[in-house]
Amino acid sequence: METIKAAILESIKKFISNMSDMQLEDIIGDALTEVADYINYQDGDEFPQPCIVLAKDLVKIRINKMGAEGLESQNYGTHSEGYIDGLPDDIKRKLARYRKLPRV
């Protein structure tokens, strides 16, 4: 999983310059954990390549949402903003094909 984190970090750094590697690594780790939990990834399994792309999308969403934690929406006169809570539906749909049933 560390090589996946490093690859995502290098990719994200091309677009984000105002955050330290340590901050980005933390966000990347959280995103990978959330994706791994959703697809019921087990250590030793191969992490599906498309899930890496979706984890990177989740990292970008989390970076854009920083500073707005806890808000559902904001209105500025005629302009309003809505915020995503949890995994976005489009990412869930894409992850669903890689999701395994939990082992009991």
Protein backbone atom coordinates (compact mmCIF):
# COMPACT_ATOMS: atom_id res chain seq x y z
CA MET A 1 0.00 0.00 0.00
CA GLU A 2 2.99 2.31 0.58
CA THR A 3 3.90 2.29 -3.11
CA ILE A 4 0.32 3.25 -3.96
CA LYS A 5 0.49 6.14 -1.46
CA ALA A 6 3.78 7.33 -2.99
CA ALA A 7 2.36 7.19 -6.53
CA ILE A 8 -0.73 9.17 -5.52
CA LEU A 9 1.44 11.71 -3.67
CA GLU A 10 3.59 12.34 -6.74
CA SER A 11 0.51 12.72 -8.91
CA ILE A 12 -1.31 15.07 -6.51
CA LYS A 13 1.78 17.26 -6.01
CA LYS A 14 1.53 18.24 -9.69
CA PHE A 15 -1.72 20.05 -8.89
CA ILE A 16 -1.39 21.04 -5.23
CA SER A 17 1.55 23.19 -4.20
CA ASN A 18 0.32 24.85 -1.01
CA MET A 19 0.37 21.72 1.20
CA SER A 20 3.26 19.82 2.75
CA ASP A 21 4.00 16.22 1.84
CA MET A 22 3.06 15.25 5.39
CA GLN A 23 -0.40 16.82 5.05
CA LEU A 24 -0.96 15.20 1.67
CA GLU A 25 0.22 11.81 2.91
CA ASP A 26 -2.31 11.98 5.75
CA ILE A 27 -5.18 12.80 3.37
CA ILE A 28 -4.04 10.09 0.94
CA GLY A 29 -3.85 7.53 3.75
CA ASP A 30 -7.39 8.39 4.87
CA ALA A 31 -8.74 8.18 1.31
CA LEU A 32 -7.07 4.82 0.69
CA THR A 33 -8.41 3.49 3.99
CA GLU A 34 -11.93 4.59 3.09
CA VAL A 35 -11.71 2.99 -0.36
CA ALA A 36 -10.18 -0.21 1.08
CA ASP A 37 -12.93 -0.41 3.72
CA TYR A 38 -15.65 0.12 1.12
CA ILE A 39 -14.38 -2.65 -1.17
CA ASN A 40 -13.50 -4.92 1.80
CA TYR A 41 -9.84 -5.03 0.80
CA GLN A 42 -7.72 -7.50 2.79
CA ASP A 43 -3.95 -7.22 3.22
CA GLY A 44 -2.35 -9.45 0.63
CA ASP A 45 -5.09 -8.88 -1.95
CA GLU A 46 -4.15 -6.98 -5.07
CA PHE A 47 -5.48 -3.42 -4.87
CA PRO A 48 -7.44 -2.84 -8.11
CA GLN A 49 -5.82 -0.20 -10.34
CA PRO A 50 -9.12 1.66 -10.99
CA CYS A 51 -9.56 2.02 -7.22
CA ILE A 52 -6.29 3.95 -7.08
CA VAL A 53 -7.72 6.49 -9.52
CA LEU A 54 -10.88 6.74 -7.42
CA ALA A 55 -8.83 7.20 -4.24
CA LYS A 56 -6.98 10.04 -5.97
CA ASP A 57 -10.34 11.63 -6.87
CA LEU A 58 -11.37 11.32 -3.23
CA VAL A 59 -8.12 13.04 -2.17
CA LYS A 60 -8.89 15.97 -4.49
CA ILE A 61 -12.42 16.25 -3.07
CA ARG A 62 -11.07 16.24 0.50
CA ILE A 63 -8.49 18.91 -0.31
CA ASN A 64 -11.14 21.13 -1.90
CA LYS A 65 -13.39 20.65 1.13
CA MET A 66 -10.74 21.62 3.70
CA GLY A 67 -11.89 24.41 5.97
CA ALA A 68 -15.54 23.61 5.30
CA GLU A 69 -15.83 20.53 7.51
CA GLY A 70 -19.25 20.18 9.07
CA LEU A 71 -21.01 22.47 6.59
CA GLU A 72 -23.74 21.11 4.35
CA SER A 73 -24.21 24.24 2.29
CA GLN A 74 -23.53 27.99 2.21
CA ASN A 75 -25.40 30.85 0.57
CA TYR A 76 -23.86 34.12 -0.58
CA GLY A 77 -26.74 36.20 -1.86
CA THR A 78 -27.44 34.69 -5.27
CA HIS A 79 -24.62 32.12 -5.07
CA SER A 80 -24.85 28.88 -3.09
CA GLU A 81 -22.46 26.00 -2.48
CA GLY A 82 -23.28 22.44 -1.45
CA TYR A 83 -20.83 20.02 0.15
CA ILE A 84 -20.49 16.27 -0.26
CA ASP A 85 -20.93 14.11 2.82
CA GLY A 86 -19.14 10.73 2.85
CA LEU A 87 -18.22 8.96 -0.36
CA PRO A 88 -19.75 10.64 -3.40
CA ASP A 89 -22.37 8.53 -5.20
CA ASP A 90 -20.41 8.42 -8.47
CA ILE A 91 -17.33 7.06 -6.67
CA LYS A 92 -19.49 4.51 -4.81
CA ARG A 93 -20.97 3.31 -8.11
CA LYS A 94 -17.52 2.85 -9.63
CA LEU A 95 -16.18 1.10 -6.52
CA ALA A 96 -19.15 -1.27 -6.36
CA ARG A 97 -17.74 -3.52 -9.10
CA TYR A 98 -14.63 -4.16 -6.97
CA ARG A 99 -16.49 -4.64 -3.70
CA LYS A 100 -16.24 -8.07 -2.12
CA LEU A 101 -18.69 -9.44 0.38
CA PRO A 102 -17.26 -9.26 3.88
CA ARG A 103 -15.86 -12.49 5.25
CA VAL A 104 -17.60 -13.78 8.36
